């Protein structure tokens, strides 16, 4: 799973695209201030997109481990 995520993140440059409104804002500001805004906006979008997935993954792993431990304890108490 992790290798698939790495392939998608490193292998596809389209992942750094913005929504239409963000793109229009960056293009209008690009001529005024330079290219720093676009890179920062892309990083911010990726950060906001990744946080929920990371949190759900952590919660899922902790839940899985807790249910596995509870099941193991239940089997040991029956034996």
PDB file of N, CA and C in Angstrom:
ATOM      1  N   UNK A   1       0.823  -1.193   0.000  1.00  0.00           N
ATOM      2  CA  UNK A   1       0.000   0.000   0.000  1.00  0.00           C
ATOM      3  C   UNK A   1       0.863   1.252   0.000  1.00  0.00           C
ATOM      4  N   UNK A   2       1.901   1.241   0.836  1.00  0.00           N
ATOM      5  CA  UNK A   2       2.787   2.393   0.906  1.00  0.00           C
ATOM      6  C   UNK A   2       3.530   2.592  -0.411  1.00  0.00           C
ATOM      7  N   UNK A   3       3.939   1.495  -1.046  1.00  0.00           N
ATOM      8  CA  UNK A   3       4.648   1.620  -2.312  1.00  0.00           C
ATOM      9  C   UNK A   3       3.745   2.208  -3.395  1.00  0.00           C
ATOM     10  N   UNK A   4       2.466   1.867  -3.365  1.00  0.00           N
ATOM     11  CA  UNK A   4       1.520   2.428  -4.322  1.00  0.00           C
ATOM     12  C   UNK A   4       1.374   3.933  -4.117  1.00  0.00           C
ATOM     13  N   UNK A   5       1.311   4.370  -2.867  1.00  0.00           N
ATOM     14  CA  UNK A   5       1.228   5.794  -2.566  1.00  0.00           C
ATOM     15  C   UNK A   5       2.471   6.531  -3.047  1.00  0.00           C
ATOM     16  N   UNK A   6       3.632   5.938  -2.833  1.00  0.00           N
ATOM     17  CA  UNK A   6       4.879   6.562  -3.261  1.00  0.00           C
ATOM     18  C   UNK A   6       4.924   6.672  -4.782  1.00  0.00           C
ATOM     19  N   UNK A   7       4.490   5.632  -5.481  1.00  0.00           N
ATOM     20  CA  UNK A   7       4.491   5.667  -6.947  1.00  0.00           C
ATOM     21  C   UNK A   7       3.577   6.782  -7.447  1.00  0.00           C
ATOM     22  N   UNK A   8       2.391   6.919  -6.855  1.00  0.00           N
ATOM     23  CA  UNK A   8       1.473   7.958  -7.295  1.00  0.00           C
ATOM     24  C   UNK A   8       2.002   9.355  -6.987  1.00  0.00           C
ATOM     25  N   UNK A   9       2.632   9.526  -5.833  1.00  0.00           N
ATOM     26  CA  UNK A   9       3.128  10.842  -5.457  1.00  0.00           C
ATOM     27  C   UNK A   9       4.351  11.260  -6.270  1.00  0.00           C
ATOM     28  N   UNK A  10       5.232  10.334  -6.528  1.00  0.00           N
ATOM     29  CA  UNK A  10       6.464  10.679  -7.225  1.00  0.00           C
ATOM     30  C   UNK A  10       6.354  10.547  -8.739  1.00  0.00           C
ATOM     31  N   UNK A  11       5.462   9.688  -9.203  1.00  0.00           N
ATOM     32  CA  UNK A  11       5.398   9.407 -10.624  1.00  0.00           C
ATOM     33  C   UNK A  11       4.441  10.261 -11.416  1.00  0.00           C
ATOM     34  N   UNK A  12       3.597  11.017 -10.765  1.00  0.00           N
ATOM     35  CA  UNK A  12       2.577  11.756 -11.485  1.00  0.00           C
ATOM     36  C   UNK A  12       2.632  13.224 -11.086  1.00  0.00           C
ATOM     37  N   UNK A  13       2.995  14.076 -12.022  1.00  0.00           N
ATOM     38  CA  UNK A  13       3.083  15.500 -11.719  1.00  0.00           C
ATOM     39  C   UNK A  13       1.728  16.179 -11.740  1.00  0.00           C
ATOM     40  N   UNK A  14       0.683  15.515 -12.239  1.00  0.00           N
ATOM     41  CA  UNK A  14      -0.650  16.109 -12.238  1.00  0.00           C
ATOM     42  C   UNK A  14      -1.225  16.215 -10.838  1.00  0.00           C
ATOM     43  N   UNK A  15      -0.636  15.526  -9.875  1.00  0.00           N
ATOM     44  CA  UNK A  15      -1.113  15.612  -8.502  1.00  0.00           C
ATOM     45  C   UNK A  15      -0.870  16.989  -7.902  1.00  0.00           C
ATOM     46  N   UNK A  16      -0.029  17.787  -8.521  1.00  0.00           N
ATOM     47  CA  UNK A  16       0.258  19.116  -8.014  1.00  0.00           C
ATOM     48  C   UNK A  16      -0.667  20.180  -8.601  1.00  0.00           C
ATOM     49  N   UNK A  17      -1.732  19.783  -9.253  1.00  0.00           N
ATOM     50  CA  UNK A  17      -2.663  20.729  -9.849  1.00  0.00           C
ATOM     51  C   UNK A  17      -3.606  21.281  -8.791  1.00  0.00           C
ATOM     52  N   UNK A  18      -4.183  22.455  -9.096  1.00  0.00           N
ATOM     53  CA  UNK A  18      -5.120  23.072  -8.182  1.00  0.00           C
ATOM     54  C   UNK A  18      -6.519  23.040  -8.780  1.00  0.00           C
ATOM     55  N   UNK A  19      -7.477  23.466  -7.964  1.00  0.00           N
ATOM     56  CA  UNK A  19      -8.832  23.635  -8.485  1.00  0.00           C
ATOM     57  C   UNK A  19      -8.843  24.851  -9.407  1.00  0.00           C
ATOM     58  N   UNK A  20      -9.927  25.045 -10.118  1.00  0.00           N
ATOM     59  CA  UNK A  20     -10.006  26.127 -11.109  1.00  0.00           C
ATOM     60  C   UNK A  20      -9.878  27.509 -10.470  1.00  0.00           C
ATOM     61  N   UNK A  21     -10.507  27.715  -9.325  1.00  0.00           N
ATOM     62  CA  UNK A  21     -10.446  29.018  -8.662  1.00  0.00           C
ATOM     63  C   UNK A  21      -9.034  29.307  -8.150  1.00  0.00           C
ATOM     64  N   UNK A  22      -8.400  28.306  -7.574  1.00  0.00           N
ATOM     65  CA  UNK A  22      -7.043  28.496  -7.070  1.00  0.00           C
ATOM     66  C   UNK A  22      -6.089  28.778  -8.220  1.00  0.00           C
ATOM     67  N   UNK A  23      -6.277  28.055  -9.307  1.00  0.00           N
ATOM     68  CA  UNK A  23      -5.406  28.246 -10.465  1.00  0.00           C
ATOM     69  C   UNK A  23      -5.539  29.654 -11.021  1.00  0.00           C
ATOM     70  N   UNK A  24      -6.775  30.156 -11.127  1.00  0.00           N
ATOM     71  CA  UNK A  24      -6.986  31.514 -11.622  1.00  0.00           C
ATOM     72  C   UNK A  24      -6.339  32.535 -10.695  1.00  0.00           C
ATOM     73  N   UNK A  25      -6.439  32.314  -9.404  1.00  0.00           N
ATOM     74  CA  UNK A  25      -5.824  33.225  -8.439  1.00  0.00           C
ATOM     75  C   UNK A  25      -4.309  33.226  -8.574  1.00  0.00           C
ATOM     76  N   UNK A  26      -3.736  32.048  -8.729  1.00  0.00           N
ATOM     77  CA  UNK A  26      -2.277  31.948  -8.861  1.00  0.00           C
ATOM     78  C   UNK A  26      -1.809  32.592 -10.156  1.00  0.00           C
ATOM     79  N   UNK A  27      -2.538  32.352 -11.243  1.00  0.00           N
ATOM     80  CA  UNK A  27      -2.133  32.932 -12.528  1.00  0.00           C
ATOM     81  C   UNK A  27      -2.214  34.446 -12.510  1.00  0.00           C
ATOM     82  N   UNK A  28      -3.202  35.010 -11.816  1.00  0.00           N
ATOM     83  CA  UNK A  28      -3.294  36.473 -11.756  1.00  0.00           C
ATOM     84  C   UNK A  28      -2.194  37.054 -10.878  1.00  0.00           C
ATOM     85  N   UNK A  29      -1.825  36.364  -9.814  1.00  0.00           N
ATOM     86  CA  UNK A  29      -0.767  36.845  -8.933  1.00  0.00           C
ATOM     87  C   UNK A  29       0.629  36.502  -9.433  1.00  0.00           C
ATOM     88  N   UNK A  30       0.728  35.543 -10.354  1.00  0.00           N
ATOM     89  CA  UNK A  30       2.024  35.094 -10.843  1.00  0.00           C
ATOM     90  C   UNK A  30       2.770  36.218 -11.540  1.00  0.00           C
ATOM     91  N   UNK A  31       2.053  36.991 -12.346  1.00  0.00           N
ATOM     92  CA  UNK A  31       2.709  38.077 -13.067  1.00  0.00           C
ATOM     93  C   UNK A  31       3.117  39.209 -12.126  1.00  0.00           C
ATOM     94  N   UNK A  32       2.433  39.343 -10.996  1.00  0.00           N
ATOM     95  CA  UNK A  32       2.734  40.422 -10.071  1.00  0.00           C
ATOM     96  C   UNK A  32       3.888  40.100  -9.124  1.00  0.00           C
ATOM     97  N   UNK A  33       3.896  38.877  -8.571  1.00  0.00           N
ATOM     98  CA  UNK A  33       4.853  38.586  -7.498  1.00  0.00           C
ATOM     99  C   UNK A  33       5.880  37.516  -7.822  1.00  0.00           C
ATOM    100  N   UNK A  34       5.704  36.761  -8.852  1.00  0.00           N
ATOM    101  CA  UNK A  34       6.639  35.687  -9.154  1.00  0.00           C
ATOM    102  C   UNK A  34       6.037  34.330  -8.910  1.00  0.00           C
ATOM    103  N   UNK A  35       6.860  33.279  -8.891  1.00  0.00           N
ATOM    104  CA  UNK A  35       6.363  31.911  -8.840  1.00  0.00           C
ATOM    105  C   UNK A  35       6.255  31.288  -7.468  1.00  0.00           C
ATOM    106  N   UNK A  36       6.547  32.004  -6.412  1.00  0.00           N
ATOM    107  CA  UNK A  36       6.521  31.417  -5.082  1.00  0.00           C
ATOM    108  C   UNK A  36       5.133  31.085  -4.573  1.00  0.00           C
ATOM    109  N   UNK A  37       4.142  31.826  -5.009  1.00  0.00           N
ATOM    110  CA  UNK A  37       2.784  31.612  -4.519  1.00  0.00           C
ATOM    111  C   UNK A  37       2.238  30.276  -4.996  1.00  0.00           C
ATOM    112  N   UNK A  38       2.490  29.940  -6.235  1.00  0.00           N
ATOM    113  CA  UNK A  38       1.971  28.687  -6.789  1.00  0.00           C
ATOM    114  C   UNK A  38       2.508  27.462  -6.066  1.00  0.00           C
ATOM    115  N   UNK A  39       3.783  27.451  -5.770  1.00  0.00           N
ATOM    116  CA  UNK A  39       4.384  26.317  -5.064  1.00  0.00           C
ATOM    117  C   UNK A  39       3.834  26.211  -3.650  1.00  0.00           C
ATOM    118  N   UNK A  40       3.664  27.340  -2.989  1.00  0.00           N
ATOM    119  CA  UNK A  40       3.099  27.320  -1.643  1.00  0.00           C
ATOM    120  C   UNK A  40       1.655  26.878  -1.634  1.00  0.00           C
ATOM    121  N   UNK A  41       0.897  27.288  -2.630  1.00  0.00           N
ATOM    122  CA  UNK A  41      -0.500  26.888  -2.729  1.00  0.00           C
ATOM    123  C   UNK A  41      -0.619  25.390  -2.978  1.00  0.00           C
ATOM    124  N   UNK A  42       0.216  24.857  -3.857  1.00  0.00           N
ATOM    125  CA  UNK A  42       0.212  23.418  -4.118  1.00  0.00           C
ATOM    126  C   UNK A  42       0.551  22.626  -2.861  1.00  0.00           C
ATOM    127  N   UNK A  43       1.536  23.079  -2.129  1.00  0.00           N
ATOM    128  CA  UNK A  43       1.918  22.395  -0.898  1.00  0.00           C
ATOM    129  C   UNK A  43       0.786  22.440   0.119  1.00  0.00           C
ATOM    130  N   UNK A  44       0.129  23.580   0.223  1.00  0.00           N
ATOM    131  CA  UNK A  44      -0.992  23.707   1.149  1.00  0.00           C
ATOM    132  C   UNK A  44      -2.149  22.791   0.786  1.00  0.00           C
ATOM    133  N   UNK A  45      -2.454  22.687  -0.495  1.00  0.00           N
ATOM    134  CA  UNK A  45      -3.530  21.811  -0.950  1.00  0.00           C
ATOM    135  C   UNK A  45      -3.192  20.359  -0.643  1.00  0.00           C
ATOM    136  N   UNK A  46      -1.966  19.945  -0.925  1.00  0.00           N
ATOM    137  CA  UNK A  46      -1.564  18.571  -0.636  1.00  0.00           C
ATOM    138  C   UNK A  46      -1.578  18.290   0.864  1.00  0.00           C
ATOM    139  N   UNK A  47      -1.183  19.263   1.667  1.00  0.00           N
ATOM    140  CA  UNK A  47      -1.196  19.108   3.124  1.00  0.00           C
ATOM    141  C   UNK A  47      -2.624  18.931   3.616  1.00  0.00           C
ATOM    142  N   UNK A  48      -3.532  19.776   3.163  1.00  0.00           N
ATOM    143  CA  UNK A  48      -4.927  19.677   3.589  1.00  0.00           C
ATOM    144  C   UNK A  48      -5.580  18.382   3.110  1.00  0.00           C
ATOM    145  N   UNK A  49      -5.174  17.889   1.952  1.00  0.00           N
ATOM    146  CA  UNK A  49      -5.732  16.653   1.424  1.00  0.00           C
ATOM    147  C   UNK A  49      -5.205  15.436   2.193  1.00  0.00           C
ATOM    148  N   UNK A  50      -3.958  15.462   2.600  1.00  0.00           N
ATOM    149  CA  UNK A  50      -3.329  14.283   3.195  1.00  0.00           C
ATOM    150  C   UNK A  50      -3.700  14.070   4.657  1.00  0.00           C
ATOM    151  N   UNK A  51      -3.955  15.123   5.403  1.00  0.00           N
ATOM    152  CA  UNK A  51      -4.194  14.997   6.837  1.00  0.00           C
ATOM    153  C   UNK A  51      -5.365  14.068   7.176  1.00  0.00           C
ATOM    154  N   UNK A  52      -6.535  14.176   6.540  1.00  0.00           N
ATOM    155  CA  UNK A  52      -7.616  13.237   6.892  1.00  0.00           C
ATOM    156  C   UNK A  52      -7.257  11.784   6.606  1.00  0.00           C
ATOM    157  N   UNK A  53      -6.581  11.526   5.508  1.00  0.00           N
ATOM    158  CA  UNK A  53      -6.183  10.151   5.188  1.00  0.00           C
ATOM    159  C   UNK A  53      -5.203   9.610   6.216  1.00  0.00           C
ATOM    160  N   UNK A  54      -4.276  10.425   6.648  1.00  0.00           N
ATOM    161  CA  UNK A  54      -3.312   9.994   7.653  1.00  0.00           C
ATOM    162  C   UNK A  54      -4.020   9.703   8.978  1.00  0.00           C
ATOM    163  N   UNK A  55      -4.935  10.587   9.378  1.00  0.00           N
ATOM    164  CA  UNK A  55      -5.659  10.377  10.629  1.00  0.00           C
ATOM    165  C   UNK A  55      -6.515   9.116  10.582  1.00  0.00           C
ATOM    166  N   UNK A  56      -7.247   8.906   9.484  1.00  0.00           N
ATOM    167  CA  UNK A  56      -8.074   7.710   9.369  1.00  0.00           C
ATOM    168  C   UNK A  56      -7.224   6.446   9.353  1.00  0.00           C
ATOM    169  N   UNK A  57      -6.064   6.495   8.747  1.00  0.00           N
ATOM    170  CA  UNK A  57      -5.168   5.340   8.727  1.00  0.00           C
ATOM    171  C   UNK A  57      -4.671   5.021  10.138  1.00  0.00           C
ATOM    172  N   UNK A  58      -4.268   6.045  10.867  1.00  0.00           N
ATOM    173  CA  UNK A  58      -3.792   5.829  12.237  1.00  0.00           C
ATOM    174  C   UNK A  58      -4.910   5.260  13.106  1.00  0.00           C
ATOM    175  N   UNK A  59      -6.107   5.828  13.000  1.00  0.00           N
ATOM    176  CA  UNK A  59      -7.241   5.327  13.787  1.00  0.00           C
ATOM    177  C   UNK A  59      -7.553   3.885  13.405  1.00  0.00           C
ATOM    178  N   UNK A  60      -7.526   3.569  12.117  1.00  0.00           N
ATOM    179  CA  UNK A  60      -7.792   2.211  11.664  1.00  0.00           C
ATOM    180  C   UNK A  60      -6.773   1.213  12.179  1.00  0.00           C
ATOM    181  N   UNK A  61      -5.506   1.572  12.152  1.00  0.00           N
ATOM    182  CA  UNK A  61      -4.453   0.674  12.641  1.00  0.00           C
ATOM    183  C   UNK A  61      -4.599   0.453  14.144  1.00  0.00           C
ATOM    184  N   UNK A  62      -4.861   1.521  14.885  1.00  0.00           N
ATOM    185  CA  UNK A  62      -5.040   1.375  16.331  1.00  0.00           C
ATOM    186  C   UNK A  62      -6.271   0.531  16.655  1.00  0.00           C
ATOM    187  N   UNK A  63      -7.337   0.728  15.912  1.00  0.00           N
ATOM    188  CA  UNK A  63      -8.555  -0.050  16.124  1.00  0.00           C
ATOM    189  C   UNK A  63      -8.303  -1.528  15.825  1.00  0.00           C
ATOM    190  N   UNK A  64      -7.601  -1.793  14.723  1.00  0.00           N
ATOM    191  CA  UNK A  64      -7.281  -3.171  14.347  1.00  0.00           C
ATOM    192  C   UNK A  64      -6.438  -3.845  15.426  1.00  0.00           C
ATOM    193  N   UNK A  65      -5.417  -3.150  15.898  1.00  0.00           N
ATOM    194  CA  UNK A  65      -4.552  -3.727  16.932  1.00  0.00           C
ATOM    195  C   UNK A  65      -5.323  -3.984  18.222  1.00  0.00           C
ATOM    196  N   UNK A  66      -6.209  -3.060  18.597  1.00  0.00           N
ATOM    197  CA  UNK A  66      -6.987  -3.240  19.821  1.00  0.00           C
ATOM    198  C   UNK A  66      -7.942  -4.421  19.693  1.00  0.00           C
ATOM    199  N   UNK A  67      -8.594  -4.563  18.530  1.00  0.00           N
ATOM    200  CA  UNK A  67      -9.515  -5.691  18.368  1.00  0.00           C
ATOM    201  C   UNK A  67      -8.764  -7.017  18.312  1.00  0.00           C
ATOM    202  N   UNK A  68      -7.582  -7.002  17.721  1.00  0.00           N
ATOM    203  CA  UNK A  68      -6.760  -8.209  17.669  1.00  0.00           C
ATOM    204  C   UNK A  68      -6.299  -8.606  19.070  1.00  0.00           C
ATOM    205  N   UNK A  69      -5.900  -7.629  19.875  1.00  0.00           N
ATOM    206  CA  UNK A  69      -5.471  -7.908  21.247  1.00  0.00           C
ATOM    207  C   UNK A  69      -6.642  -8.386  22.092  1.00  0.00           C
ATOM    208  N   UNK A  70      -7.818  -7.802  21.909  1.00  0.00           N
ATOM    209  CA  UNK A  70      -8.993  -8.222  22.665  1.00  0.00           C
ATOM    210  C   UNK A  70      -9.385  -9.653  22.307  1.00  0.00           C
ATOM    211  N   UNK A  71      -9.294  -9.967  21.037  1.00  0.00           N
ATOM    212  CA  UNK A  71      -9.617 -11.329  20.605  1.00  0.00           C
ATOM    213  C   UNK A  71      -8.617 -12.329  21.185  1.00  0.00           C
ATOM    214  N   UNK A  72      -7.332 -11.971  21.194  1.00  0.00           N
ATOM    215  CA  UNK A  72      -6.290 -12.838  21.739  1.00  0.00           C
ATOM    216  C   UNK A  72      -6.495 -13.043  23.233  1.00  0.00           C
ATOM    217  N   UNK A  73      -6.844 -11.968  23.963  1.00  0.00           N
ATOM    218  CA  UNK A  73      -7.107 -12.073  25.406  1.00  0.00           C
ATOM    219  C   UNK A  73      -8.322 -12.919  25.701  1.00  0.00           C
ATOM    220  N   UNK A  74      -9.330 -12.817  24.849  1.00  0.00           N
ATOM    221  CA  UNK A  74     -10.547 -13.619  25.033  1.00  0.00           C
ATOM    222  C   UNK A  74     -10.242 -15.098  24.853  1.00  0.00           C
ATOM    223  N   UNK A  75      -9.444 -15.444  23.837  1.00  0.00           N
ATOM    224  CA  UNK A  75      -9.070 -16.828  23.590  1.00  0.00           C
ATOM    225  C   UNK A  75      -8.219 -17.355  24.746  1.00  0.00           C
ATOM    226  N   UNK A  76      -7.305 -16.542  25.255  1.00  0.00           N
ATOM    227  CA  UNK A  76      -6.448 -16.986  26.359  1.00  0.00           C
ATOM    228  C   UNK A  76      -7.243 -17.179  27.647  1.00  0.00           C
ATOM    229  N   UNK A  77      -8.253 -16.346  27.865  1.00  0.00           N
ATOM    230  CA  UNK A  77      -9.054 -16.500  29.089  1.00  0.00           C
ATOM    231  C   UNK A  77      -9.953 -17.729  29.029  1.00  0.00           C
ATOM    232  N   UNK A  78     -10.344 -18.145  27.822  1.00  0.00           N
ATOM    233  CA  UNK A  78     -11.156 -19.352  27.677  1.00  0.00           C
ATOM    234  C   UNK A  78     -10.333 -20.616  27.838  1.00  0.00           C
ATOM    235  N   UNK A  79      -9.043 -20.526  27.567  1.00  0.00           N
ATOM    236  CA  UNK A  79      -8.194 -21.718  27.630  1.00  0.00           C
ATOM    237  C   UNK A  79      -7.708 -22.042  29.013  1.00  0.00           C
TER     238      UNK A  79
END
